[in-house]
Structures are given as C-alpha cells and as structure tokens.
Amino acid sequence: MANPLDTDAGSELFGSYEAEFKLVQADLTQKLDQIPELSGEPRKAAISAAERALEEADELLGQMRLEKQNIPSSLRPKINQRFRNFETDVDTYKRKLSSLASDRAALFGNRYTDDPSPSDVQLEQRQQLLSGTDRLDRSSQRLRSSQALANETEAIGAGTLADLHAQRERIAHTGQILYESEGYVDRSVKTLRGMARRMATNRVITIAIITVLVILIFAVIYSKFR
C-alpha cells in the first residue's frame, strides 16, 4: 500500500488516520491469524480483542471518509482507490472474524451448549465493558491528537497572518518612499528647467551686450576718422 499523504500534497490529518489504520490493520491481522490455534477462554478473549480492533478500524475509516473531502480534487482519485482498498480489507476481516466466532465448539470447548451458563454471561459482560472502555480510551486519544494538530495548525496560521501583515507594512512603506522620491524627481526637473531658462536668458543678454559694445566701438572709430 501507498505511504500516508505528504503534508504539502493533501491533508495531514488524513495521513495520520491512514498511518493509525495501518497499525490497527497489522494488529488485527495478527490476532485473526492466532484465533484458529486457540480454543475455550483464550479463543473468546482473542475474538473479543479482534472485535475491538475491527471496531477501531471502522472508526478510522469513518474519520478518513470525512477527511478525504478536504483533499484537492487532483489527488482524490488516487486517495479514493486507497480508501476503497481499506474498505475491502475491513470487509474481509469482518467475514473472517464472523466465521471464526461462529465456531462455537472451538469457542467453548467441552463446555459447549446452546444455553450459556451464568458464568459465561458474566464473562461476556465483563469483556463488553472492557471493550467499551478500550474504545473510549482510543477515541479520547484520537481526540487529543486531533486537538493538538488543530492547535498547531492555528499557531501556523497566526504566524502566517503576522508575516503577511509585516510584509504589507513593508510594501506600504516602500510605496511611500517611492512616492516621496517621485516628488523629489519632479522638483529636480523643475529646478533644472528653471536653470536652463536662466542660462538661455543670460546668453541672450550677453550676446546683446556684446553687440552693443561692438556697435559702440565701430561708432567711436567712425567718428574719429570722419
């Protein structure tokens, strides 16, 4: 089977459920393989343990069924195929466990009877109570894990928002600097244009003065030789 999802590719929570399911699956397979070798009370205890593991596998399938809706559409076909494989495995385990549990002669050994004795009923009640307690403990553990993951995700989201806010402030500050720089450039251009106009005016004045001086010189020379 494939490895759990990468956190960048899909749901980290789905990946954690899938990893936990595989652990339960391995434990359930081992229990089912041991049952045919047992009889009497050990066999009953092994069947109860297998039933608890099967119930846990069913719960994990339910969690994965909900969580896989959060996976991107591009990845869902592959995930759906893996999920269907898990469902097929669980159905196979149920049929196998049902077959093993229906063998009452192996289950009760020499004490086999159609009417269970009071001690058998009490034992079954105790086993059911223990099974319920185990399921409650496992569910509580999964809830704590989910809460821890949610808290971690919330912290990451808060950090990301803080980073985005800081980047926004930097961008706004950069925009203000650019705006001020544009004002400086405009004033510089105006100053340069003013200087150019003054230089042109000074040039015209200089040319006019030189022209007047030349005319005066010619006038003086003309008046001396007349």
C-alpha atoms as a PDB file:
ATOM      1  CA  MET A   1       0.000   0.000   0.000  1.00  0.00           C
ATOM      2  CA  ALA A   2       0.996   3.639  -0.517  1.00  0.00           C
ATOM      3  CA  ASN A   3       2.547   5.807   2.143  1.00  0.00           C
ATOM      4  CA  PRO A   4       0.490   8.424   4.025  1.00  0.00           C
ATOM      5  CA  LEU A   5      -0.087  11.753   2.355  1.00  0.00           C
ATOM      6  CA  ASP A   6       2.598  14.411   2.312  1.00  0.00           C
ATOM      7  CA  THR A   7       1.559  17.468   4.293  1.00  0.00           C
ATOM      8  CA  ASP A   8       2.202  19.643   1.199  1.00  0.00           C
ATOM      9  CA  ALA A   9       0.124  17.420  -1.045  1.00  0.00           C
ATOM     10  CA  GLY A  10      -3.001  16.900   0.999  1.00  0.00           C
ATOM     11  CA  SER A  11      -4.475  16.579   4.415  1.00  0.00           C
ATOM     12  CA  GLU A  12      -2.026  15.914   7.227  1.00  0.00           C
ATOM     13  CA  LEU A  13      -4.937  14.719   9.361  1.00  0.00           C
ATOM     14  CA  PHE A  14      -5.939  12.156   6.720  1.00  0.00           C
ATOM     15  CA  GLY A  15      -2.354  10.932   6.649  1.00  0.00           C
ATOM     16  CA  SER A  16      -2.326  10.468  10.423  1.00  0.00           C
ATOM     17  CA  TYR A  17      -5.585   8.486  10.266  1.00  0.00           C
ATOM     18  CA  GLU A  18      -4.167   6.333   7.485  1.00  0.00           C
ATOM     19  CA  ALA A  19      -0.989   5.604   9.415  1.00  0.00           C
ATOM     20  CA  GLU A  20      -3.011   4.691  12.512  1.00  0.00           C
ATOM     21  CA  PHE A  21      -5.293   2.486  10.407  1.00  0.00           C
ATOM     22  CA  LYS A  22      -2.306   0.542   9.096  1.00  0.00           C
ATOM     23  CA  LEU A  23      -1.106  -0.093  12.631  1.00  0.00           C
ATOM     24  CA  VAL A  24      -4.558  -1.345  13.644  1.00  0.00           C
ATOM     25  CA  GLN A  25      -4.703  -3.399  10.451  1.00  0.00           C
ATOM     26  CA  ALA A  26      -1.413  -5.135  11.235  1.00  0.00           C
ATOM     27  CA  ASP A  27      -2.544  -5.838  14.803  1.00  0.00           C
ATOM     28  CA  LEU A  28      -5.904  -7.163  13.588  1.00  0.00           C
ATOM     29  CA  THR A  29      -4.256  -9.467  11.040  1.00  0.00           C
ATOM     30  CA  GLN A  30      -2.031 -10.899  13.738  1.00  0.00           C
ATOM     31  CA  LYS A  31      -4.991 -11.502  16.053  1.00  0.00           C
ATOM     32  CA  LEU A  32      -7.029 -13.201  13.327  1.00  0.00           C
ATOM     33  CA  ASP A  33      -4.118 -15.488  12.485  1.00  0.00           C
ATOM     34  CA  GLN A  34      -3.822 -16.545  16.131  1.00  0.00           C
ATOM     35  CA  ILE A  35      -7.506 -17.353  16.725  1.00  0.00           C
ATOM     36  CA  PRO A  36      -7.621 -20.690  14.803  1.00  0.00           C
ATOM     37  CA  GLU A  37      -4.910 -22.054  17.101  1.00  0.00           C
ATOM     38  CA  LEU A  38      -6.913 -21.286  20.271  1.00  0.00           C
ATOM     39  CA  SER A  39      -9.987 -22.747  21.961  1.00  0.00           C
ATOM     40  CA  GLY A  40     -12.100 -22.095  25.003  1.00  0.00           C
ATOM     41  CA  GLU A  41     -11.462 -18.958  27.064  1.00  0.00           C
ATOM     42  CA  PRO A  42      -8.259 -17.918  25.225  1.00  0.00           C
ATOM     43  CA  ARG A  43     -10.153 -18.103  21.942  1.00  0.00           C
ATOM     44  CA  LYS A  44     -13.003 -15.978  23.326  1.00  0.00           C
ATOM     45  CA  ALA A  45     -10.531 -13.402  24.606  1.00  0.00           C
ATOM     46  CA  ALA A  46      -8.744 -13.323  21.248  1.00  0.00           C
ATOM     47  CA  ILE A  47     -12.050 -12.878  19.382  1.00  0.00           C
ATOM     48  CA  SER A  48     -13.040 -10.019  21.702  1.00  0.00           C
ATOM     49  CA  ALA A  49      -9.680  -8.367  21.120  1.00  0.00           C
ATOM     50  CA  ALA A  50     -10.090  -8.788  17.354  1.00  0.00           C
ATOM     51  CA  GLU A  51     -13.593  -7.306  17.546  1.00  0.00           C
ATOM     52  CA  ARG A  52     -12.223  -4.264  19.372  1.00  0.00           C
ATOM     53  CA  ALA A  53      -9.511  -3.828  16.763  1.00  0.00           C
ATOM     54  CA  LEU A  54     -12.102  -4.184  13.987  1.00  0.00           C
ATOM     55  CA  GLU A  55     -14.313  -1.553  15.602  1.00  0.00           C
ATOM     56  CA  GLU A  56     -11.323   0.770  15.823  1.00  0.00           C
ATOM     57  CA  ALA A  57     -10.563   0.158  12.138  1.00  0.00           C
ATOM     58  CA  ASP A  58     -14.198   1.035  11.319  1.00  0.00           C
ATOM     59  CA  GLU A  59     -13.926   4.264  13.310  1.00  0.00           C
ATOM     60  CA  LEU A  60     -10.738   5.222  11.495  1.00  0.00           C
ATOM     61  CA  LEU A  61     -12.397   4.532   8.139  1.00  0.00           C
ATOM     62  CA  GLY A  62     -15.193   6.885   9.140  1.00  0.00           C
ATOM     63  CA  GLN A  63     -12.668   9.588  10.037  1.00  0.00           C
ATOM     64  CA  MET A  64     -10.821   9.109   6.739  1.00  0.00           C
ATOM     65  CA  ARG A  65     -14.130   9.195   4.832  1.00  0.00           C
ATOM     66  CA  LEU A  66     -14.827  12.660   6.244  1.00  0.00           C
ATOM     67  CA  GLU A  67     -11.293  13.983   5.961  1.00  0.00           C
ATOM     68  CA  LYS A  68     -10.702  12.928   2.350  1.00  0.00           C
ATOM     69  CA  GLN A  69     -13.239  15.551   1.293  1.00  0.00           C
ATOM     70  CA  ASN A  70     -10.631  18.185   2.225  1.00  0.00           C
ATOM     71  CA  ILE A  71      -8.064  16.737  -0.198  1.00  0.00           C
ATOM     72  CA  PRO A  72      -7.534  18.621  -3.515  1.00  0.00           C
ATOM     73  CA  SER A  73      -9.599  17.269  -6.413  1.00  0.00           C
ATOM     74  CA  SER A  74      -6.472  16.405  -8.396  1.00  0.00           C
ATOM     75  CA  LEU A  75      -5.432  13.894  -5.714  1.00  0.00           C
ATOM     76  CA  ARG A  76      -8.832  12.412  -4.887  1.00  0.00           C
ATOM     77  CA  PRO A  77      -8.872   9.583  -7.482  1.00  0.00           C
ATOM     78  CA  LYS A  78      -5.686   8.105  -6.031  1.00  0.00           C
ATOM     79  CA  ILE A  79      -6.901   8.601  -2.458  1.00  0.00           C
ATOM     80  CA  ASN A  80     -10.316   7.123  -3.240  1.00  0.00           C
ATOM     81  CA  GLN A  81      -8.663   3.993  -4.647  1.00  0.00           C
ATOM     82  CA  ARG A  82      -6.611   3.560  -1.479  1.00  0.00           C
ATOM     83  CA  PHE A  83      -9.692   4.162   0.648  1.00  0.00           C
ATOM     84  CA  ARG A  84     -11.672   1.521  -1.280  1.00  0.00           C
ATOM     85  CA  ASN A  85      -8.830  -0.928  -0.720  1.00  0.00           C
ATOM     86  CA  PHE A  86      -9.051  -0.250   3.014  1.00  0.00           C
ATOM     87  CA  GLU A  87     -12.808  -0.835   2.963  1.00  0.00           C
ATOM     88  CA  THR A  88     -12.317  -4.108   1.110  1.00  0.00           C
ATOM     89  CA  ASP A  89      -9.731  -5.212   3.689  1.00  0.00           C
ATOM     90  CA  VAL A  90     -12.086  -4.410   6.554  1.00  0.00           C
ATOM     91  CA  ASP A  91     -14.944  -6.341   4.906  1.00  0.00           C
ATOM     92  CA  THR A  92     -12.611  -9.312   4.527  1.00  0.00           C
ATOM     93  CA  TYR A  93     -11.641  -9.109   8.202  1.00  0.00           C
ATOM     94  CA  LYS A  94     -15.304  -8.972   9.221  1.00  0.00           C
ATOM     95  CA  ARG A  95     -16.160 -12.102   7.254  1.00  0.00           C
ATOM     96  CA  LYS A  96     -13.167 -13.946   8.627  1.00  0.00           C
ATOM     97  CA  LEU A  97     -13.910 -12.927  12.205  1.00  0.00           C
ATOM     98  CA  SER A  98     -17.577 -13.852  11.804  1.00  0.00           C
ATOM     99  CA  SER A  99     -16.561 -17.290  10.570  1.00  0.00           C
ATOM    100  CA  LEU A 100     -14.185 -17.788  13.485  1.00  0.00           C
ATOM    101  CA  ALA A 101     -16.736 -16.556  16.036  1.00  0.00           C
ATOM    102  CA  SER A 102     -19.463 -18.859  14.674  1.00  0.00           C
ATOM    103  CA  ASP A 103     -17.398 -21.951  15.523  1.00  0.00           C
ATOM    104  CA  ARG A 104     -18.986 -22.382  18.965  1.00  0.00           C
ATOM    105  CA  ALA A 105     -17.453 -25.810  19.557  1.00  0.00           C
ATOM    106  CA  ALA A 106     -13.973 -24.340  19.269  1.00  0.00           C
ATOM    107  CA  LEU A 107     -15.085 -21.276  21.157  1.00  0.00           C
ATOM    108  CA  PHE A 108     -16.490 -23.091  24.229  1.00  0.00           C
ATOM    109  CA  GLY A 109     -14.548 -26.349  24.012  1.00  0.00           C
ATOM    110  CA  ASN A 110     -16.008 -29.158  26.129  1.00  0.00           C
ATOM    111  CA  ARG A 111     -18.450 -26.753  27.783  1.00  0.00           C
ATOM    112  CA  TYR A 112     -20.267 -26.070  24.523  1.00  0.00           C
ATOM    113  CA  THR A 113     -24.024 -25.736  24.975  1.00  0.00           C
ATOM    114  CA  ASP A 114     -26.885 -23.891  23.304  1.00  0.00           C
ATOM    115  CA  ASP A 115     -27.750 -22.203  26.615  1.00  0.00           C
ATOM    116  CA  PRO A 116     -24.781 -20.320  28.054  1.00  0.00           C
ATOM    117  CA  SER A 117     -24.172 -20.633  31.765  1.00  0.00           C
ATOM    118  CA  PRO A 118     -24.378 -17.606  34.092  1.00  0.00           C
ATOM    119  CA  SER A 119     -20.588 -17.514  34.348  1.00  0.00           C
ATOM    120  CA  ASP A 120     -20.337 -17.274  30.561  1.00  0.00           C
ATOM    121  CA  VAL A 121     -22.819 -14.400  30.537  1.00  0.00           C
ATOM    122  CA  GLN A 122     -20.899 -12.570  33.243  1.00  0.00           C
ATOM    123  CA  LEU A 123     -17.627 -13.109  31.390  1.00  0.00           C
ATOM    124  CA  GLU A 124     -19.151 -11.777  28.195  1.00  0.00           C
ATOM    125  CA  GLN A 125     -20.498  -8.735  30.043  1.00  0.00           C
ATOM    126  CA  ARG A 126     -17.081  -8.031  31.527  1.00  0.00           C
ATOM    127  CA  GLN A 127     -15.479  -8.372  28.121  1.00  0.00           C
ATOM    128  CA  GLN A 128     -18.025  -5.992  26.611  1.00  0.00           C
ATOM    129  CA  LEU A 129     -17.352  -3.499  29.402  1.00  0.00           C
ATOM    130  CA  LEU A 130     -13.612  -3.751  28.846  1.00  0.00           C
ATOM    131  CA  SER A 131     -14.153  -3.387  25.104  1.00  0.00           C
ATOM    132  CA  GLY A 132     -16.217  -0.230  25.632  1.00  0.00           C
ATOM    133  CA  THR A 133     -13.576   1.207  27.947  1.00  0.00           C
ATOM    134  CA  ASP A 134     -10.813   0.474  25.440  1.00  0.00           C
ATOM    135  CA  ARG A 135     -12.786   2.121  22.646  1.00  0.00           C
ATOM    136  CA  LEU A 136     -13.418   5.167  24.810  1.00  0.00           C
ATOM    137  CA  ASP A 137      -9.713   5.442  25.627  1.00  0.00           C
ATOM    138  CA  ARG A 138      -8.728   5.155  21.970  1.00  0.00           C
ATOM    139  CA  SER A 139     -11.349   7.708  20.940  1.00  0.00           C
ATOM    140  CA  SER A 140     -10.124  10.106  23.629  1.00  0.00           C
ATOM    141  CA  GLN A 141      -6.554   9.673  22.421  1.00  0.00           C
ATOM    142  CA  ARG A 142      -7.578  10.422  18.846  1.00  0.00           C
ATOM    143  CA  LEU A 143      -9.485  13.496  20.002  1.00  0.00           C
ATOM    144  CA  ARG A 144      -6.433  14.736  21.883  1.00  0.00           C
ATOM    145  CA  SER A 145      -4.268  14.152  18.828  1.00  0.00           C
ATOM    146  CA  SER A 146      -6.757  15.993  16.626  1.00  0.00           C
ATOM    147  CA  GLN A 147      -6.925  18.874  19.101  1.00  0.00           C
ATOM    148  CA  ALA A 148      -3.127  19.099  19.230  1.00  0.00           C
ATOM    149  CA  LEU A 149      -2.965  19.137  15.425  1.00  0.00           C
ATOM    150  CA  ALA A 150      -5.679  21.804  15.279  1.00  0.00           C
ATOM    151  CA  ASN A 151      -3.784  23.944  17.790  1.00  0.00           C
ATOM    152  CA  GLU A 152      -0.581  23.548  15.795  1.00  0.00           C
ATOM    153  CA  THR A 153      -2.396  24.482  12.575  1.00  0.00           C
ATOM    154  CA  GLU A 154      -3.910  27.529  14.293  1.00  0.00           C
ATOM    155  CA  ALA A 155      -0.474  28.632  15.503  1.00  0.00           C
ATOM    156  CA  ILE A 156       0.955  28.245  11.991  1.00  0.00           C
ATOM    157  CA  GLY A 157      -1.959  30.258  10.580  1.00  0.00           C
ATOM    158  CA  ALA A 158      -1.435  33.030  13.140  1.00  0.00           C
ATOM    159  CA  GLY A 159       2.267  33.163  12.272  1.00  0.00           C
ATOM    160  CA  THR A 160       1.455  33.347   8.579  1.00  0.00           C
ATOM    161  CA  LEU A 161      -1.007  36.203   9.149  1.00  0.00           C
ATOM    162  CA  ALA A 162       1.615  38.063  11.179  1.00  0.00           C
ATOM    163  CA  ASP A 163       4.155  37.619   8.370  1.00  0.00           C
ATOM    164  CA  LEU A 164       1.656  38.857   5.791  1.00  0.00           C
ATOM    165  CA  HIS A 165       0.859  41.905   7.934  1.00  0.00           C
ATOM    166  CA  ALA A 166       4.560  42.722   8.263  1.00  0.00           C
ATOM    167  CA  GLN A 167       5.040  42.337   4.509  1.00  0.00           C
ATOM    168  CA  ARG A 168       2.065  44.614   3.881  1.00  0.00           C
ATOM    169  CA  GLU A 169       3.575  47.277   6.106  1.00  0.00           C
ATOM    170  CA  ARG A 170       6.914  46.977   4.308  1.00  0.00           C
ATOM    171  CA  ILE A 171       5.205  47.294   0.931  1.00  0.00           C
ATOM    172  CA  ALA A 172       3.247  50.346   2.128  1.00  0.00           C
ATOM    173  CA  HIS A 173       6.453  51.919   3.464  1.00  0.00           C
ATOM    174  CA  THR A 174       8.240  51.219   0.167  1.00  0.00           C
ATOM    175  CA  GLY A 175       5.341  52.788  -1.730  1.00  0.00           C
ATOM    176  CA  GLN A 176       5.555  55.909   0.439  1.00  0.00           C
ATOM    177  CA  ILE A 177       9.299  56.163  -0.221  1.00  0.00           C
ATOM    178  CA  LEU A 178       8.715  55.805  -3.961  1.00  0.00           C
ATOM    179  CA  TYR A 179       6.032  58.486  -3.822  1.00  0.00           C
ATOM    180  CA  GLU A 180       8.366  60.867  -1.978  1.00  0.00           C
ATOM    181  CA  SER A 181      11.182  60.047  -4.420  1.00  0.00           C
ATOM    182  CA  GLU A 182       8.882  60.872  -7.306  1.00  0.00           C
ATOM    183  CA  GLY A 183       8.202  64.264  -5.697  1.00  0.00           C
ATOM    184  CA  TYR A 184      11.928  64.897  -5.351  1.00  0.00           C
ATOM    185  CA  VAL A 185      12.440  63.992  -9.015  1.00  0.00           C
ATOM    186  CA  ASP A 186       9.665  66.356 -10.096  1.00  0.00           C
ATOM    187  CA  ARG A 187      11.186  69.225  -8.102  1.00  0.00           C
ATOM    188  CA  SER A 188      14.622  68.435  -9.513  1.00  0.00           C
ATOM    189  CA  VAL A 189      13.266  68.509 -13.069  1.00  0.00           C
ATOM    190  CA  LYS A 190      11.581  71.842 -12.411  1.00  0.00           C
ATOM    191  CA  THR A 191      14.802  73.230 -10.946  1.00  0.00           C
ATOM    192  CA  LEU A 192      16.810  72.057 -13.952  1.00  0.00           C
ATOM    193  CA  ARG A 193      14.295  73.589 -16.334  1.00  0.00           C
ATOM    194  CA  GLY A 194      14.483  76.886 -14.446  1.00  0.00           C
ATOM    195  CA  MET A 195      18.268  76.815 -14.596  1.00  0.00           C
ATOM    196  CA  ALA A 196      18.120  76.109 -18.336  1.00  0.00           C
ATOM    197  CA  ARG A 197      15.789  79.064 -18.876  1.00  0.00           C
ATOM    198  CA  ARG A 198      18.046  81.363 -16.853  1.00  0.00           C
ATOM    199  CA  MET A 199      21.093  80.186 -18.794  1.00  0.00           C
ATOM    200  CA  ALA A 200      19.310  80.908 -22.072  1.00  0.00           C
ATOM    201  CA  THR A 201      18.283  84.348 -20.833  1.00  0.00           C
ATOM    202  CA  ASN A 202      21.823  85.121 -19.681  1.00  0.00           C
ATOM    203  CA  ARG A 203      23.158  84.023 -23.061  1.00  0.00           C
ATOM    204  CA  VAL A 204      20.763  86.369 -24.870  1.00  0.00           C
ATOM    205  CA  ILE A 205      21.697  89.228 -22.557  1.00  0.00           C
ATOM    206  CA  THR A 206      25.400  88.534 -23.045  1.00  0.00           C
ATOM    207  CA  ILE A 207      25.024  88.487 -26.832  1.00  0.00           C
ATOM    208  CA  ALA A 208      23.064  91.743 -26.688  1.00  0.00           C
ATOM    209  CA  ILE A 209      25.742  93.432 -24.566  1.00  0.00           C
ATOM    210  CA  ILE A 210      28.499  92.252 -26.885  1.00  0.00           C
ATOM    211  CA  THR A 211      26.529  93.507 -29.887  1.00  0.00           C
ATOM    212  CA  VAL A 212      26.010  96.914 -28.284  1.00  0.00           C
ATOM    213  CA  LEU A 213      29.717  97.136 -27.396  1.00  0.00           C
ATOM    214  CA  VAL A 214      30.730  96.256 -30.954  1.00  0.00           C
ATOM    215  CA  ILE A 215      28.364  98.896 -32.334  1.00  0.00           C
ATOM    216  CA  LEU A 216      29.753 101.481 -29.923  1.00  0.00           C
ATOM    217  CA  ILE A 217      33.333 100.599 -30.911  1.00  0.00           C
ATOM    218  CA  PHE A 218      32.521 100.982 -34.600  1.00  0.00           C
ATOM    219  CA  ALA A 219      30.736 104.250 -33.832  1.00  0.00           C
ATOM    220  CA  VAL A 220      33.761 105.611 -31.969  1.00  0.00           C
ATOM    221  CA  ILE A 221      36.130 104.554 -34.748  1.00  0.00           C
ATOM    222  CA  TYR A 222      33.856 106.061 -37.361  1.00  0.00           C
ATOM    223  CA  SER A 223      33.642 109.355 -35.501  1.00  0.00           C
ATOM    224  CA  LYS A 224      37.487 109.656 -35.285  1.00  0.00           C
ATOM    225  CA  PHE A 225      38.110 109.105 -38.992  1.00  0.00           C
ATOM    226  CA  ARG A 226      35.272 111.224 -40.256  1.00  0.00           C
END
